Amino acid sequence: MPRIVVETWIAAPPEQVFDLARNVDTHSESASFSHERIVEPGRLHGLLEAGDLITFEGVHFGMRQRVTAKILEMDPPRVFVDELVRSAFKHLRHVHAFEPQNGGTLMRDTLEWTSPFGILGRLGDRVAIVRHMTWFVTTKQNALKRIAEKT
């Protein structure tokens, strides 16, 4: 099962970064580089809470994709966890963690997934998916950092 961990230090308190990361409107802004938008079903605005669904539609690998995630755990301002309930992946779990560090916040995203198509999916993970997911999460974290540090 592939696993990536992406960390970014942000010059803002954990409470602020945590709320920005679970804010649906901020998510749209920080993922706009992939033409991602929030669609139904699920929460369309505001702060995500445990039990919420959220659906994203964006362009990945040149194709428009739609995924729905469910927020499984919420422990403000330390961690929240979501899992995809509808997507091209067989399984994807995303842990969003926020640790006070050096007067700011260390934001850590950990993703683990299982791709479809057996050995072909595992080959795809090695060739492209791991690199794409790392790029996507890193780019999104950097956008969230800019948003948090300007407020």
N, C-alpha and C. Protein backbone atom coordinates (compact mmCIF):
# COMPACT_ATOMS: atom_id res chain seq x y z
N MET A 1 0.85 -1.18 0.00
CA MET A 1 0.00 0.00 0.00
C MET A 1 0.89 1.24 0.00
N PRO A 2 0.80 2.08 -1.02
CA PRO A 2 1.60 3.31 -1.05
C PRO A 2 1.22 4.23 0.11
N ARG A 3 2.24 4.97 0.56
CA ARG A 3 2.05 5.93 1.66
C ARG A 3 2.95 7.12 1.38
N ILE A 4 2.38 8.32 1.50
CA ILE A 4 3.19 9.54 1.41
C ILE A 4 2.94 10.37 2.65
N VAL A 5 3.96 11.12 3.03
CA VAL A 5 3.86 12.07 4.14
C VAL A 5 4.45 13.38 3.63
N VAL A 6 3.68 14.45 3.75
CA VAL A 6 4.13 15.77 3.32
C VAL A 6 3.99 16.71 4.51
N GLU A 7 5.08 17.41 4.84
CA GLU A 7 5.07 18.33 5.98
C GLU A 7 5.40 19.75 5.52
N THR A 8 4.71 20.71 6.12
CA THR A 8 4.97 22.12 5.85
C THR A 8 4.86 22.88 7.16
N TRP A 9 5.84 23.74 7.42
CA TRP A 9 5.78 24.60 8.60
C TRP A 9 5.07 25.88 8.21
N ILE A 10 4.15 26.32 9.07
CA ILE A 10 3.33 27.51 8.81
C ILE A 10 3.45 28.46 9.99
N ALA A 11 3.70 29.73 9.70
CA ALA A 11 3.83 30.75 10.74
C ALA A 11 2.45 31.23 11.17
N ALA A 12 1.71 30.33 11.82
CA ALA A 12 0.37 30.63 12.34
C ALA A 12 0.07 29.57 13.41
N PRO A 13 -0.80 29.89 14.37
CA PRO A 13 -1.10 28.94 15.43
C PRO A 13 -1.88 27.72 14.92
N PRO A 14 -1.74 26.57 15.59
CA PRO A 14 -2.43 25.36 15.16
C PRO A 14 -3.94 25.52 15.01
N GLU A 15 -4.57 26.26 15.90
CA GLU A 15 -6.03 26.44 15.82
C GLU A 15 -6.43 27.09 14.49
N GLN A 16 -5.67 28.09 14.07
CA GLN A 16 -5.96 28.78 12.82
C GLN A 16 -5.72 27.86 11.61
N VAL A 17 -4.59 27.16 11.61
CA VAL A 17 -4.26 26.29 10.49
C VAL A 17 -5.26 25.13 10.40
N PHE A 18 -5.61 24.56 11.56
CA PHE A 18 -6.58 23.47 11.60
C PHE A 18 -7.91 23.91 10.98
N ASP A 19 -8.42 25.07 11.40
CA ASP A 19 -9.70 25.54 10.87
C ASP A 19 -9.61 25.88 9.38
N LEU A 20 -8.49 26.44 8.94
CA LEU A 20 -8.34 26.70 7.50
C LEU A 20 -8.33 25.39 6.71
N ALA A 21 -7.66 24.36 7.24
CA ALA A 21 -7.56 23.09 6.52
C ALA A 21 -8.90 22.37 6.41
N ARG A 22 -9.80 22.59 7.39
CA ARG A 22 -11.11 21.93 7.32
C ARG A 22 -12.21 22.86 6.79
N ASN A 23 -11.80 24.03 6.34
CA ASN A 23 -12.76 24.99 5.77
C ASN A 23 -12.96 24.66 4.28
N VAL A 24 -14.17 24.36 3.91
CA VAL A 24 -14.48 23.95 2.54
C VAL A 24 -14.11 25.04 1.54
N ASP A 25 -14.38 26.29 1.87
CA ASP A 25 -14.07 27.40 0.96
C ASP A 25 -12.57 27.56 0.78
N THR A 26 -11.81 27.42 1.86
CA THR A 26 -10.35 27.50 1.77
C THR A 26 -9.80 26.32 0.98
N HIS A 27 -10.41 25.15 1.15
CA HIS A 27 -9.97 23.99 0.37
C HIS A 27 -10.08 24.29 -1.13
N SER A 28 -11.20 24.86 -1.53
CA SER A 28 -11.38 25.20 -2.95
C SER A 28 -10.30 26.16 -3.43
N GLU A 29 -10.00 27.15 -2.61
CA GLU A 29 -8.98 28.14 -2.98
C GLU A 29 -7.60 27.49 -3.07
N SER A 30 -7.27 26.64 -2.10
CA SER A 30 -5.92 26.05 -2.07
C SER A 30 -5.73 24.96 -3.12
N ALA A 31 -6.81 24.43 -3.67
CA ALA A 31 -6.71 23.38 -4.70
C ALA A 31 -7.12 23.89 -6.08
N SER A 32 -7.24 25.20 -6.23
CA SER A 32 -7.72 25.76 -7.50
C SER A 32 -6.77 25.48 -8.66
N PHE A 33 -5.50 25.20 -8.38
CA PHE A 33 -4.53 24.90 -9.44
C PHE A 33 -4.92 23.65 -10.23
N SER A 34 -5.75 22.77 -9.65
CA SER A 34 -6.19 21.56 -10.35
C SER A 34 -7.62 21.72 -10.87
N HIS A 35 -8.09 22.97 -10.86
CA HIS A 35 -9.47 23.27 -11.27
C HIS A 35 -10.47 22.51 -10.40
N GLU A 36 -10.06 22.24 -9.16
CA GLU A 36 -10.92 21.50 -8.25
C GLU A 36 -12.01 22.41 -7.73
N ARG A 37 -13.19 21.82 -7.59
CA ARG A 37 -14.30 22.56 -7.00
C ARG A 37 -15.10 21.61 -6.14
N ILE A 38 -15.87 22.17 -5.21
CA ILE A 38 -16.70 21.40 -4.30
C ILE A 38 -18.08 21.27 -4.94
N VAL A 39 -18.59 20.05 -4.97
CA VAL A 39 -19.91 19.78 -5.57
C VAL A 39 -20.71 18.91 -4.61
N GLU A 40 -21.97 18.74 -4.91
CA GLU A 40 -22.82 17.85 -4.11
C GLU A 40 -22.53 16.40 -4.50
N PRO A 41 -22.72 15.44 -3.63
CA PRO A 41 -23.29 15.56 -2.29
C PRO A 41 -22.24 15.95 -1.25
N GLY A 42 -22.74 16.49 -0.15
CA GLY A 42 -21.86 16.84 0.96
C GLY A 42 -21.87 18.32 1.25
N ARG A 43 -21.06 18.68 2.23
CA ARG A 43 -20.96 20.08 2.66
C ARG A 43 -20.38 20.92 1.54
N LEU A 44 -20.99 22.07 1.30
CA LEU A 44 -20.54 22.97 0.23
C LEU A 44 -19.82 24.20 0.75
N HIS A 45 -20.01 24.54 2.02
CA HIS A 45 -19.38 25.72 2.63
C HIS A 45 -19.16 25.46 4.12
N GLY A 46 -18.28 26.24 4.70
CA GLY A 46 -18.08 26.19 6.14
C GLY A 46 -17.06 25.17 6.58
N LEU A 47 -17.09 24.88 7.89
CA LEU A 47 -16.11 23.99 8.51
C LEU A 47 -16.60 22.55 8.53
N LEU A 48 -15.74 21.64 8.10
CA LEU A 48 -16.07 20.22 8.14
C LEU A 48 -16.10 19.73 9.58
N GLU A 49 -17.01 18.81 9.86
CA GLU A 49 -17.14 18.18 11.17
C GLU A 49 -17.15 16.67 10.99
N ALA A 50 -16.93 15.94 12.07
CA ALA A 50 -16.98 14.47 12.01
C ALA A 50 -18.32 14.04 11.46
N GLY A 51 -18.28 13.09 10.53
CA GLY A 51 -19.50 12.58 9.91
C GLY A 51 -19.87 13.25 8.61
N ASP A 52 -19.28 14.43 8.34
CA ASP A 52 -19.60 15.15 7.10
C ASP A 52 -19.07 14.41 5.88
N LEU A 53 -19.78 14.58 4.78
CA LEU A 53 -19.30 14.18 3.46
C LEU A 53 -18.87 15.43 2.72
N ILE A 54 -17.89 15.27 1.84
CA ILE A 54 -17.48 16.36 0.96
C ILE A 54 -17.09 15.74 -0.38
N THR A 55 -17.53 16.36 -1.47
CA THR A 55 -17.25 15.84 -2.80
C THR A 55 -16.46 16.88 -3.58
N PHE A 56 -15.36 16.43 -4.17
CA PHE A 56 -14.48 17.27 -4.97
C PHE A 56 -14.55 16.82 -6.41
N GLU A 57 -14.50 17.78 -7.30
CA GLU A 57 -14.37 17.47 -8.72
C GLU A 57 -13.19 18.27 -9.24
N GLY A 58 -12.23 17.59 -9.86
CA GLY A 58 -11.04 18.27 -10.35
C GLY A 58 -10.40 17.50 -11.48
N VAL A 59 -9.37 18.10 -12.06
CA VAL A 59 -8.69 17.49 -13.18
C VAL A 59 -7.38 16.88 -12.68
N HIS A 60 -7.24 15.57 -12.90
CA HIS A 60 -6.02 14.85 -12.55
C HIS A 60 -5.70 13.92 -13.71
N PHE A 61 -4.45 13.93 -14.14
CA PHE A 61 -4.02 13.13 -15.29
C PHE A 61 -4.83 13.46 -16.54
N GLY A 62 -5.20 14.75 -16.65
CA GLY A 62 -5.93 15.20 -17.83
C GLY A 62 -7.38 14.79 -17.88
N MET A 63 -7.88 14.18 -16.82
CA MET A 63 -9.27 13.74 -16.78
C MET A 63 -9.99 14.37 -15.60
N ARG A 64 -11.25 14.74 -15.83
CA ARG A 64 -12.06 15.25 -14.73
C ARG A 64 -12.44 14.06 -13.85
N GLN A 65 -12.17 14.21 -12.54
CA GLN A 65 -12.46 13.14 -11.60
C GLN A 65 -13.32 13.69 -10.47
N ARG A 66 -14.14 12.84 -9.93
CA ARG A 66 -15.01 13.21 -8.81
C ARG A 66 -14.80 12.20 -7.68
N VAL A 67 -14.52 12.71 -6.47
CA VAL A 67 -14.33 11.85 -5.31
C VAL A 67 -15.15 12.38 -4.14
N THR A 68 -15.65 11.47 -3.34
CA THR A 68 -16.38 11.83 -2.14
C THR A 68 -15.65 11.26 -0.94
N ALA A 69 -15.43 12.12 0.05
CA ALA A 69 -14.75 11.71 1.28
C ALA A 69 -15.70 11.88 2.46
N LYS A 70 -15.47 11.07 3.48
CA LYS A 70 -16.22 11.19 4.73
C LYS A 70 -15.22 11.51 5.84
N ILE A 71 -15.57 12.49 6.66
CA ILE A 71 -14.74 12.85 7.80
C ILE A 71 -15.02 11.84 8.92
N LEU A 72 -14.00 11.04 9.26
CA LEU A 72 -14.17 9.97 10.23
C LEU A 72 -13.83 10.39 11.65
N GLU A 73 -12.80 11.22 11.78
CA GLU A 73 -12.33 11.63 13.11
C GLU A 73 -12.07 13.13 13.10
N MET A 74 -12.31 13.75 14.26
CA MET A 74 -12.07 15.18 14.41
C MET A 74 -11.62 15.43 15.84
N ASP A 75 -10.37 15.88 16.01
CA ASP A 75 -9.81 16.18 17.33
C ASP A 75 -9.13 17.54 17.26
N PRO A 76 -9.94 18.63 17.31
CA PRO A 76 -9.37 19.98 17.16
C PRO A 76 -8.41 20.32 18.29
N PRO A 77 -7.37 21.05 18.03
CA PRO A 77 -6.81 21.42 16.73
C PRO A 77 -5.68 20.50 16.31
N ARG A 78 -5.74 19.24 16.71
CA ARG A 78 -4.61 18.33 16.47
C ARG A 78 -4.72 17.50 15.20
N VAL A 79 -5.89 16.93 14.92
CA VAL A 79 -5.97 15.99 13.80
C VAL A 79 -7.41 15.85 13.30
N PHE A 80 -7.53 15.63 12.01
CA PHE A 80 -8.78 15.09 11.47
C PHE A 80 -8.43 14.10 10.38
N VAL A 81 -9.33 13.13 10.21
CA VAL A 81 -9.08 12.02 9.30
C VAL A 81 -10.27 11.88 8.37
N ASP A 82 -9.96 11.69 7.08
CA ASP A 82 -11.02 11.39 6.12
C ASP A 82 -10.64 10.17 5.31
N GLU A 83 -11.67 9.52 4.80
CA GLU A 83 -11.48 8.39 3.88
C GLU A 83 -12.39 8.60 2.69
N LEU A 84 -11.89 8.21 1.51
CA LEU A 84 -12.71 8.30 0.32
C LEU A 84 -13.76 7.19 0.36
N VAL A 85 -14.99 7.58 0.08
CA VAL A 85 -16.07 6.60 0.03
C VAL A 85 -16.54 6.37 -1.40
N ARG A 86 -16.10 7.25 -2.30
CA ARG A 86 -16.39 7.07 -3.73
C ARG A 86 -15.25 7.71 -4.51
N SER A 87 -14.54 6.87 -5.28
CA SER A 87 -13.41 7.37 -6.07
C SER A 87 -12.90 6.26 -6.97
N ALA A 88 -11.87 6.59 -7.74
CA ALA A 88 -11.22 5.59 -8.58
C ALA A 88 -10.34 4.65 -7.74
N PHE A 89 -9.95 5.09 -6.54
CA PHE A 89 -9.14 4.25 -5.66
C PHE A 89 -10.01 3.20 -4.99
N LYS A 90 -9.42 2.04 -4.70
CA LYS A 90 -10.12 1.03 -3.90
C LYS A 90 -10.26 1.54 -2.47
N HIS A 91 -9.23 2.26 -2.01
CA HIS A 91 -9.22 2.78 -0.64
C HIS A 91 -8.24 3.94 -0.57
N LEU A 92 -8.59 5.00 0.16
CA LEU A 92 -7.65 6.09 0.43
C LEU A 92 -8.01 6.69 1.78
N ARG A 93 -7.02 6.75 2.66
CA ARG A 93 -7.17 7.36 4.00
C ARG A 93 -6.20 8.54 4.08
N HIS A 94 -6.69 9.67 4.60
CA HIS A 94 -5.91 10.90 4.66
C HIS A 94 -5.97 11.43 6.09
N VAL A 95 -4.81 11.46 6.74
CA VAL A 95 -4.70 11.99 8.10
C VAL A 95 -4.08 13.38 8.01
N HIS A 96 -4.79 14.37 8.54
CA HIS A 96 -4.34 15.76 8.58
C HIS A 96 -3.93 16.04 10.03
N ALA A 97 -2.63 16.28 10.28
CA ALA A 97 -2.15 16.50 11.65
C ALA A 97 -1.51 17.88 11.76
N PHE A 98 -1.65 18.48 12.94
CA PHE A 98 -1.19 19.85 13.18
C PHE A 98 -0.49 19.87 14.54
N GLU A 99 0.81 20.20 14.54
CA GLU A 99 1.60 20.20 15.77
C GLU A 99 2.19 21.59 15.99
N PRO A 100 2.07 22.12 17.22
CA PRO A 100 2.76 23.37 17.51
C PRO A 100 4.27 23.16 17.37
N GLN A 101 4.92 24.10 16.67
CA GLN A 101 6.37 23.96 16.49
C GLN A 101 6.99 25.32 16.21
N ASN A 102 7.98 25.69 16.97
CA ASN A 102 8.75 26.93 16.76
C ASN A 102 7.86 28.15 16.58
N GLY A 103 6.84 28.28 17.42
CA GLY A 103 5.96 29.44 17.37
C GLY A 103 4.96 29.40 16.21
N GLY A 104 4.85 28.30 15.52
CA GLY A 104 3.91 28.14 14.42
C GLY A 104 3.33 26.74 14.46
N THR A 105 3.06 26.20 13.28
CA THR A 105 2.43 24.89 13.17
C THR A 105 3.13 24.04 12.13
N LEU A 106 3.43 22.81 12.50
CA LEU A 106 3.87 21.83 11.52
C LEU A 106 2.62 21.09 11.05
N MET A 107 2.27 21.27 9.78
CA MET A 107 1.12 20.59 9.19
C MET A 107 1.65 19.35 8.47
N ARG A 108 1.08 18.19 8.80
CA ARG A 108 1.53 16.93 8.21
C ARG A 108 0.32 16.21 7.60
N ASP A 109 0.41 15.94 6.32
CA ASP A 109 -0.60 15.15 5.63
C ASP A 109 -0.01 13.77 5.35
N THR A 110 -0.72 12.73 5.79
CA THR A 110 -0.31 11.35 5.53
C THR A 110 -1.42 10.69 4.73
N LEU A 111 -1.08 10.19 3.56
CA LEU A 111 -2.05 9.50 2.71
C LEU A 111 -1.59 8.07 2.47
N GLU A 112 -2.52 7.15 2.59
CA GLU A 112 -2.30 5.75 2.27
C GLU A 112 -3.45 5.31 1.38
N TRP A 113 -3.13 4.53 0.34
CA TRP A 113 -4.19 4.13 -0.59
C TRP A 113 -3.90 2.79 -1.22
N THR A 114 -4.95 2.27 -1.80
CA THR A 114 -4.86 1.06 -2.61
C THR A 114 -5.47 1.41 -3.97
N SER A 115 -4.69 1.23 -5.00
CA SER A 115 -5.18 1.50 -6.35
C SER A 115 -5.92 0.28 -6.89
N PRO A 116 -6.83 0.51 -7.84
CA PRO A 116 -7.52 -0.62 -8.46
C PRO A 116 -6.61 -1.34 -9.47
N PHE A 117 -7.09 -2.39 -10.03
CA PHE A 117 -6.46 -3.11 -11.15
C PHE A 117 -5.24 -3.94 -10.76
N GLY A 118 -5.15 -4.36 -9.49
CA GLY A 118 -4.11 -5.30 -9.08
C GLY A 118 -2.71 -4.85 -9.41
N ILE A 119 -1.98 -5.73 -10.12
CA ILE A 119 -0.57 -5.44 -10.43
C ILE A 119 -0.43 -4.22 -11.33
N LEU A 120 -1.40 -3.99 -12.22
CA LEU A 120 -1.35 -2.78 -13.07
C LEU A 120 -1.49 -1.52 -12.22
N GLY A 121 -2.35 -1.57 -11.21
CA GLY A 121 -2.50 -0.44 -10.31
C GLY A 121 -1.24 -0.18 -9.51
N ARG A 122 -0.59 -1.25 -9.05
CA ARG A 122 0.66 -1.08 -8.30
C ARG A 122 1.76 -0.52 -9.19
N LEU A 123 1.78 -0.94 -10.44
CA LEU A 123 2.73 -0.37 -11.40
C LEU A 123 2.43 1.12 -11.62
N GLY A 124 1.16 1.45 -11.76
CA GLY A 124 0.76 2.85 -11.90
C GLY A 124 1.17 3.69 -10.71
N ASP A 125 1.06 3.10 -9.51
CA ASP A 125 1.50 3.81 -8.30
C ASP A 125 2.97 4.18 -8.42
N ARG A 126 3.79 3.20 -8.81
CA ARG A 126 5.24 3.43 -8.90
C ARG A 126 5.61 4.42 -10.00
N VAL A 127 4.91 4.33 -11.11
CA VAL A 127 5.25 5.15 -12.28
C VAL A 127 4.74 6.58 -12.14
N ALA A 128 3.53 6.76 -11.61
CA ALA A 128 2.93 8.11 -11.67
C ALA A 128 2.14 8.54 -10.45
N ILE A 129 1.40 7.65 -9.81
CA ILE A 129 0.45 8.08 -8.78
C ILE A 129 1.16 8.65 -7.55
N VAL A 130 2.21 8.00 -7.07
CA VAL A 130 2.93 8.50 -5.89
C VAL A 130 3.47 9.91 -6.17
N ARG A 131 4.07 10.09 -7.34
CA ARG A 131 4.63 11.41 -7.69
C ARG A 131 3.51 12.45 -7.79
N HIS A 132 2.40 12.09 -8.44
CA HIS A 132 1.30 13.04 -8.59
C HIS A 132 0.70 13.41 -7.23
N MET A 133 0.46 12.42 -6.39
CA MET A 133 -0.13 12.69 -5.08
C MET A 133 0.79 13.56 -4.23
N THR A 134 2.09 13.30 -4.28
CA THR A 134 3.05 14.11 -3.53
C THR A 134 3.04 15.54 -4.04
N TRP A 135 3.05 15.72 -5.36
CA TRP A 135 2.99 17.06 -5.95
C TRP A 135 1.70 17.76 -5.55
N PHE A 136 0.57 17.07 -5.65
CA PHE A 136 -0.73 17.68 -5.35
C PHE A 136 -0.78 18.14 -3.89
N VAL A 137 -0.42 17.26 -2.96
CA VAL A 137 -0.50 17.62 -1.54
C VAL A 137 0.50 18.72 -1.20
N THR A 138 1.70 18.67 -1.74
CA THR A 138 2.71 19.71 -1.49
C THR A 138 2.24 21.06 -2.01
N THR A 139 1.71 21.08 -3.22
CA THR A 139 1.22 22.33 -3.81
C THR A 139 0.05 22.88 -3.01
N LYS A 140 -0.84 22.01 -2.59
CA LYS A 140 -1.99 22.43 -1.79
C LYS A 140 -1.55 22.95 -0.43
N GLN A 141 -0.59 22.27 0.22
CA GLN A 141 -0.08 22.75 1.51
C GLN A 141 0.57 24.12 1.37
N ASN A 142 1.33 24.32 0.32
CA ASN A 142 1.98 25.63 0.12
C ASN A 142 0.95 26.74 -0.10
N ALA A 143 -0.14 26.42 -0.78
CA ALA A 143 -1.21 27.41 -0.96
C ALA A 143 -1.88 27.71 0.38
N LEU A 144 -2.12 26.69 1.19
CA LEU A 144 -2.71 26.90 2.51
C LEU A 144 -1.77 27.72 3.40
N LYS A 145 -0.47 27.48 3.28
CA LYS A 145 0.53 28.26 4.02
C LYS A 145 0.42 29.75 3.66
N ARG A 146 0.34 30.04 2.35
CA ARG A 146 0.21 31.45 1.93
C ARG A 146 -1.07 32.08 2.49
N ILE A 147 -2.16 31.33 2.47
CA ILE A 147 -3.43 31.85 2.99
C ILE A 147 -3.31 32.11 4.49
N ALA A 148 -2.77 31.15 5.23
CA ALA A 148 -2.67 31.28 6.70
C ALA A 148 -1.74 32.42 7.10
N GLU A 149 -0.66 32.58 6.39
CA GLU A 149 0.33 33.58 6.78
C GLU A 149 -0.05 34.99 6.36
N LYS A 150 -1.03 35.14 5.49
CA LYS A 150 -1.47 36.50 5.13
C LYS A 150 -2.63 36.98 5.98
N THR A 151 -3.27 36.06 6.75
CA THR A 151 -4.39 36.46 7.59
C THR A 151 -3.95 36.84 8.97
